[in-house]
């Protein structure tokens, strides 16, 4: 009976944490010229939760224990796209937050005017 109870508890806890399988694919779909509406469509396509934070001027997409963060400048242009993937161990029972990885930097440099 104890073995059955232990097995049931282990199985019920297995998978408490999990990764977003399409994290890299979703992050690579983000282009520097996108706006919040286009980012929302990507989040919807990958079935991720999304939110725009007006205080930090950033957009986030999250699914399971992984996330993508998109930073905007004051003019509403994307400046940086970053992602983080959690490290899942012990059959999904333990999670360690992964490193933040910059996917792309968007530089909007204005070409100098020629006289």
N, C-alpha and C. Protein backbone atom coordinates (compact mmCIF):
# COMPACT_ATOMS: atom_id res chain seq x y z
N UNK A 1 0.83 -1.20 0.00
CA UNK A 1 0.00 0.00 0.00
C UNK A 1 0.87 1.26 0.00
N UNK A 2 1.97 1.24 0.78
CA UNK A 2 2.85 2.41 0.82
C UNK A 2 3.49 2.66 -0.54
N UNK A 3 3.83 1.57 -1.24
CA UNK A 3 4.46 1.72 -2.56
C UNK A 3 3.48 2.34 -3.55
N UNK A 4 2.22 1.94 -3.47
CA UNK A 4 1.21 2.49 -4.37
C UNK A 4 0.99 3.97 -4.08
N UNK A 5 0.91 4.32 -2.79
CA UNK A 5 0.73 5.72 -2.41
C UNK A 5 1.91 6.57 -2.86
N UNK A 6 3.12 6.05 -2.69
CA UNK A 6 4.32 6.77 -3.12
C UNK A 6 4.33 6.96 -4.63
N UNK A 7 3.94 5.93 -5.36
CA UNK A 7 3.89 6.01 -6.82
C UNK A 7 2.85 7.03 -7.27
N UNK A 8 1.69 7.06 -6.63
CA UNK A 8 0.64 8.02 -6.99
C UNK A 8 1.07 9.45 -6.71
N UNK A 9 1.71 9.67 -5.58
CA UNK A 9 2.19 11.01 -5.24
C UNK A 9 3.25 11.46 -6.24
N UNK A 10 4.17 10.57 -6.56
CA UNK A 10 5.23 10.89 -7.52
C UNK A 10 4.64 11.23 -8.88
N UNK A 11 3.70 10.43 -9.34
CA UNK A 11 3.09 10.68 -10.65
C UNK A 11 2.27 11.97 -10.66
N UNK A 12 1.62 12.28 -9.55
CA UNK A 12 0.81 13.50 -9.51
C UNK A 12 1.69 14.75 -9.49
N UNK A 13 2.88 14.64 -8.93
CA UNK A 13 3.78 15.78 -8.88
C UNK A 13 4.64 15.91 -10.13
N UNK A 14 4.81 14.83 -10.85
CA UNK A 14 5.64 14.85 -12.05
C UNK A 14 5.05 15.83 -13.05
N UNK A 15 5.89 16.69 -13.54
CA UNK A 15 5.42 17.67 -14.53
C UNK A 15 4.84 18.92 -13.92
N UNK A 16 5.14 19.20 -12.66
CA UNK A 16 4.67 20.45 -12.06
C UNK A 16 5.23 21.64 -12.83
N UNK A 17 6.44 21.51 -13.30
CA UNK A 17 7.08 22.54 -14.12
C UNK A 17 7.31 21.97 -15.50
N UNK A 18 7.25 22.81 -16.49
CA UNK A 18 7.53 22.34 -17.85
C UNK A 18 8.04 23.49 -18.70
N UNK A 19 8.62 23.14 -19.83
CA UNK A 19 9.18 24.13 -20.75
C UNK A 19 8.23 24.40 -21.90
N UNK A 20 8.45 25.54 -22.55
CA UNK A 20 7.72 25.95 -23.74
C UNK A 20 8.50 25.40 -24.93
N UNK A 21 8.00 24.33 -25.56
CA UNK A 21 8.75 23.69 -26.65
C UNK A 21 9.08 24.63 -27.81
N UNK A 22 8.20 25.58 -28.12
CA UNK A 22 8.39 26.47 -29.27
C UNK A 22 8.97 27.83 -28.88
N UNK A 23 9.65 27.91 -27.73
CA UNK A 23 10.20 29.19 -27.27
C UNK A 23 11.12 29.82 -28.32
N UNK A 24 12.07 29.06 -28.82
CA UNK A 24 13.02 29.59 -29.80
C UNK A 24 12.32 30.02 -31.08
N UNK A 25 11.38 29.21 -31.52
CA UNK A 25 10.64 29.50 -32.75
C UNK A 25 9.84 30.80 -32.60
N UNK A 26 9.17 30.96 -31.46
CA UNK A 26 8.38 32.17 -31.22
C UNK A 26 9.29 33.40 -31.16
N UNK A 27 10.40 33.29 -30.45
CA UNK A 27 11.33 34.42 -30.32
C UNK A 27 11.91 34.82 -31.67
N UNK A 28 12.23 33.84 -32.49
CA UNK A 28 12.81 34.13 -33.80
C UNK A 28 11.79 34.71 -34.79
N UNK A 29 10.50 34.59 -34.50
CA UNK A 29 9.45 35.16 -35.34
C UNK A 29 9.27 36.66 -35.12
N UNK A 30 9.86 37.18 -34.06
CA UNK A 30 9.70 38.59 -33.73
C UNK A 30 10.67 39.42 -34.58
N UNK A 31 10.11 40.40 -35.27
CA UNK A 31 10.91 41.28 -36.13
C UNK A 31 11.00 42.66 -35.49
N UNK A 32 12.05 43.38 -35.81
CA UNK A 32 12.29 44.69 -35.21
C UNK A 32 11.23 45.73 -35.54
N UNK A 33 10.53 45.57 -36.66
CA UNK A 33 9.54 46.57 -37.06
C UNK A 33 8.12 46.24 -36.60
N UNK A 34 7.97 45.26 -35.73
CA UNK A 34 6.63 44.87 -35.26
C UNK A 34 6.12 45.83 -34.20
N UNK A 35 4.78 45.88 -34.09
CA UNK A 35 4.14 46.65 -33.04
C UNK A 35 3.46 45.69 -32.07
N UNK A 36 2.76 46.26 -31.08
CA UNK A 36 2.12 45.44 -30.05
C UNK A 36 1.05 44.51 -30.64
N UNK A 37 0.35 44.96 -31.65
CA UNK A 37 -0.69 44.13 -32.28
C UNK A 37 -0.06 42.90 -32.93
N UNK A 38 1.02 43.10 -33.66
CA UNK A 38 1.71 41.99 -34.31
C UNK A 38 2.28 41.02 -33.28
N UNK A 39 2.80 41.56 -32.18
CA UNK A 39 3.32 40.69 -31.11
C UNK A 39 2.20 39.88 -30.49
N UNK A 40 1.03 40.50 -30.34
CA UNK A 40 -0.13 39.78 -29.81
C UNK A 40 -0.54 38.62 -30.69
N UNK A 41 -0.41 38.81 -32.01
CA UNK A 41 -0.74 37.73 -32.94
C UNK A 41 0.24 36.57 -32.81
N UNK A 42 1.51 36.88 -32.59
CA UNK A 42 2.50 35.82 -32.38
C UNK A 42 2.18 35.07 -31.09
N UNK A 43 1.88 35.81 -30.03
CA UNK A 43 1.54 35.16 -28.75
C UNK A 43 0.33 34.25 -28.92
N UNK A 44 -0.66 34.73 -29.64
CA UNK A 44 -1.87 33.93 -29.86
C UNK A 44 -1.56 32.68 -30.67
N UNK A 45 -0.73 32.83 -31.71
CA UNK A 45 -0.37 31.69 -32.56
C UNK A 45 0.35 30.60 -31.75
N UNK A 46 1.18 31.02 -30.79
CA UNK A 46 1.92 30.05 -29.98
C UNK A 46 1.22 29.74 -28.66
N UNK A 47 -0.02 30.23 -28.52
CA UNK A 47 -0.84 29.99 -27.33
C UNK A 47 -0.13 30.39 -26.03
N UNK A 48 0.48 31.56 -26.06
CA UNK A 48 1.20 32.08 -24.90
C UNK A 48 0.41 33.23 -24.28
N UNK A 49 0.58 33.42 -22.99
CA UNK A 49 0.00 34.58 -22.32
C UNK A 49 0.86 35.78 -22.69
N UNK A 50 0.23 36.93 -22.86
CA UNK A 50 1.01 38.12 -23.21
C UNK A 50 0.47 39.34 -22.49
N UNK A 51 1.36 40.32 -22.33
CA UNK A 51 0.99 41.52 -21.61
C UNK A 51 1.93 42.67 -21.99
N UNK A 52 1.37 43.86 -22.15
CA UNK A 52 2.20 45.05 -22.35
C UNK A 52 2.18 45.84 -21.06
N UNK A 53 3.37 46.18 -20.56
CA UNK A 53 3.50 46.95 -19.33
C UNK A 53 3.89 48.38 -19.70
N UNK A 54 2.99 49.31 -19.45
CA UNK A 54 3.23 50.70 -19.85
C UNK A 54 4.30 51.37 -19.00
N UNK A 55 4.46 50.93 -17.77
CA UNK A 55 5.47 51.55 -16.90
C UNK A 55 6.88 51.25 -17.40
N UNK A 56 7.14 49.98 -17.71
CA UNK A 56 8.48 49.61 -18.19
C UNK A 56 8.58 49.68 -19.71
N UNK A 57 7.47 49.95 -20.38
CA UNK A 57 7.42 50.02 -21.84
C UNK A 57 7.95 48.73 -22.47
N UNK A 58 7.42 47.62 -21.96
CA UNK A 58 7.87 46.31 -22.45
C UNK A 58 6.69 45.38 -22.65
N UNK A 59 6.89 44.41 -23.51
CA UNK A 59 5.87 43.42 -23.84
C UNK A 59 6.43 42.07 -23.43
N UNK A 60 5.61 41.24 -22.81
CA UNK A 60 6.08 39.91 -22.42
C UNK A 60 5.15 38.83 -22.94
N UNK A 61 5.75 37.70 -23.27
CA UNK A 61 5.02 36.49 -23.65
C UNK A 61 5.52 35.40 -22.73
N UNK A 62 4.61 34.64 -22.17
CA UNK A 62 5.02 33.56 -21.27
C UNK A 62 4.16 32.33 -21.50
N UNK A 63 4.80 31.20 -21.42
CA UNK A 63 4.10 29.93 -21.52
C UNK A 63 4.85 28.95 -20.65
N UNK A 64 4.11 28.25 -19.83
CA UNK A 64 4.69 27.33 -18.85
C UNK A 64 5.68 28.12 -18.00
N UNK A 65 6.93 27.71 -17.93
CA UNK A 65 7.92 28.39 -17.09
C UNK A 65 8.96 29.15 -17.89
N UNK A 66 8.66 29.46 -19.13
CA UNK A 66 9.59 30.17 -20.00
C UNK A 66 8.95 31.47 -20.48
N UNK A 67 9.78 32.42 -20.91
CA UNK A 67 9.24 33.72 -21.29
C UNK A 67 10.09 34.42 -22.34
N UNK A 68 9.45 35.34 -23.03
CA UNK A 68 10.10 36.24 -23.98
C UNK A 68 9.78 37.65 -23.53
N UNK A 69 10.79 38.51 -23.51
CA UNK A 69 10.59 39.91 -23.16
C UNK A 69 11.01 40.80 -24.32
N UNK A 70 10.19 41.79 -24.63
CA UNK A 70 10.48 42.71 -25.72
C UNK A 70 10.47 44.12 -25.15
N UNK A 71 11.60 44.83 -25.28
CA UNK A 71 11.71 46.20 -24.78
C UNK A 71 11.49 47.19 -25.91
N UNK A 72 10.77 48.27 -25.60
CA UNK A 72 10.49 49.32 -26.57
C UNK A 72 11.18 50.61 -26.15
N UNK A 73 11.49 51.46 -27.13
CA UNK A 73 12.00 52.79 -26.80
C UNK A 73 10.80 53.73 -26.61
N UNK A 74 11.08 54.99 -26.36
CA UNK A 74 10.00 55.95 -26.07
C UNK A 74 9.12 56.23 -27.29
N UNK A 75 9.60 55.89 -28.48
CA UNK A 75 8.81 56.11 -29.70
C UNK A 75 8.00 54.88 -30.10
N UNK A 76 8.09 53.82 -29.31
CA UNK A 76 7.32 52.61 -29.60
C UNK A 76 8.00 51.63 -30.53
N UNK A 77 9.31 51.79 -30.73
CA UNK A 77 10.07 50.86 -31.56
C UNK A 77 10.74 49.81 -30.69
N UNK A 78 10.78 48.59 -31.18
CA UNK A 78 11.44 47.51 -30.44
C UNK A 78 12.94 47.78 -30.39
N UNK A 79 13.53 47.65 -29.20
CA UNK A 79 14.97 47.81 -29.05
C UNK A 79 15.67 46.49 -28.79
N UNK A 80 15.03 45.62 -28.00
CA UNK A 80 15.67 44.35 -27.62
C UNK A 80 14.62 43.26 -27.48
N UNK A 81 14.98 42.06 -27.93
CA UNK A 81 14.16 40.86 -27.74
C UNK A 81 15.02 39.87 -26.96
N UNK A 82 14.50 39.40 -25.83
CA UNK A 82 15.25 38.46 -25.00
C UNK A 82 14.34 37.30 -24.59
N UNK A 83 14.96 36.18 -24.23
CA UNK A 83 14.19 35.01 -23.80
C UNK A 83 14.87 34.36 -22.61
N UNK A 84 14.11 33.61 -21.87
CA UNK A 84 14.67 32.82 -20.77
C UNK A 84 13.95 31.48 -20.72
N UNK A 85 14.74 30.44 -20.59
CA UNK A 85 14.21 29.08 -20.50
C UNK A 85 14.62 28.50 -19.15
N UNK A 86 13.65 28.00 -18.41
CA UNK A 86 13.94 27.39 -17.12
C UNK A 86 14.58 26.02 -17.29
N UNK A 87 15.39 25.67 -16.33
CA UNK A 87 15.98 24.33 -16.31
C UNK A 87 15.10 23.45 -15.43
N UNK A 88 14.53 22.43 -16.03
CA UNK A 88 13.62 21.53 -15.32
C UNK A 88 14.37 20.24 -15.00
N UNK A 89 14.31 19.82 -13.73
CA UNK A 89 15.00 18.59 -13.33
C UNK A 89 14.10 17.74 -12.44
N UNK A 90 14.56 16.56 -12.19
CA UNK A 90 13.90 15.60 -11.30
C UNK A 90 12.46 15.37 -11.74
N UNK A 91 12.30 14.99 -13.01
CA UNK A 91 10.99 14.66 -13.58
C UNK A 91 10.00 15.81 -13.48
N UNK A 92 10.49 17.02 -13.56
CA UNK A 92 9.61 18.18 -13.53
C UNK A 92 9.28 18.69 -12.14
N UNK A 93 9.93 18.16 -11.12
CA UNK A 93 9.64 18.59 -9.75
C UNK A 93 10.45 19.80 -9.33
N UNK A 94 11.61 20.00 -9.95
CA UNK A 94 12.48 21.11 -9.57
C UNK A 94 12.70 22.02 -10.78
N UNK A 95 12.70 23.32 -10.51
CA UNK A 95 12.90 24.29 -11.58
C UNK A 95 13.94 25.31 -11.15
N UNK A 96 14.84 25.62 -12.07
CA UNK A 96 15.82 26.67 -11.84
C UNK A 96 15.68 27.67 -12.97
N UNK A 97 15.55 28.94 -12.62
CA UNK A 97 15.40 29.97 -13.65
C UNK A 97 16.64 30.01 -14.52
N UNK A 98 16.44 29.98 -15.82
CA UNK A 98 17.56 30.01 -16.75
C UNK A 98 18.10 31.42 -16.96
N UNK A 99 19.19 31.49 -17.67
CA UNK A 99 19.81 32.77 -18.00
C UNK A 99 18.97 33.51 -19.04
N UNK A 100 19.03 34.81 -19.00
CA UNK A 100 18.38 35.62 -20.02
C UNK A 100 19.31 35.68 -21.23
N UNK A 101 18.76 35.37 -22.39
CA UNK A 101 19.54 35.35 -23.63
C UNK A 101 18.96 36.40 -24.58
N UNK A 102 19.81 37.27 -25.08
CA UNK A 102 19.39 38.28 -26.05
C UNK A 102 19.20 37.59 -27.40
N UNK A 103 18.00 37.67 -27.95
CA UNK A 103 17.70 37.08 -29.25
C UNK A 103 18.12 38.03 -30.36
N UNK A 104 17.77 39.31 -30.20
CA UNK A 104 18.19 40.31 -31.18
C UNK A 104 18.12 41.70 -30.58
N UNK A 105 18.96 42.56 -31.12
CA UNK A 105 18.95 43.98 -30.78
C UNK A 105 18.54 44.73 -32.04
N UNK A 106 17.64 45.66 -31.86
CA UNK A 106 17.15 46.41 -33.00
C UNK A 106 17.68 47.84 -32.91
N UNK A 107 18.57 48.18 -33.80
CA UNK A 107 19.14 49.52 -33.83
C UNK A 107 18.45 50.33 -34.90
N UNK A 108 17.88 51.43 -34.49
CA UNK A 108 17.20 52.31 -35.44
C UNK A 108 18.02 53.59 -35.58
N UNK A 109 19.13 53.45 -36.21
CA UNK A 109 19.99 54.61 -36.41
C UNK A 109 19.51 55.41 -37.61
N UNK A 110 19.52 56.68 -37.44
CA UNK A 110 19.11 57.56 -38.53
C UNK A 110 20.35 57.92 -39.34
N UNK A 111 20.24 57.74 -40.62
CA UNK A 111 21.37 58.06 -41.50
C UNK A 111 21.60 59.57 -41.48
N UNK A 112 22.87 59.98 -41.47
CA UNK A 112 23.14 61.42 -41.47
C UNK A 112 22.68 62.07 -42.77
N UNK A 113 22.19 63.28 -42.65
CA UNK A 113 21.72 64.01 -43.83
C UNK A 113 22.93 64.53 -44.61
N UNK A 114 22.86 64.35 -45.89
CA UNK A 114 23.93 64.87 -46.75
C UNK A 114 23.57 66.27 -47.19
N UNK A 115 24.53 67.18 -47.12
CA UNK A 115 24.27 68.58 -47.50
C UNK A 115 24.43 68.78 -48.98
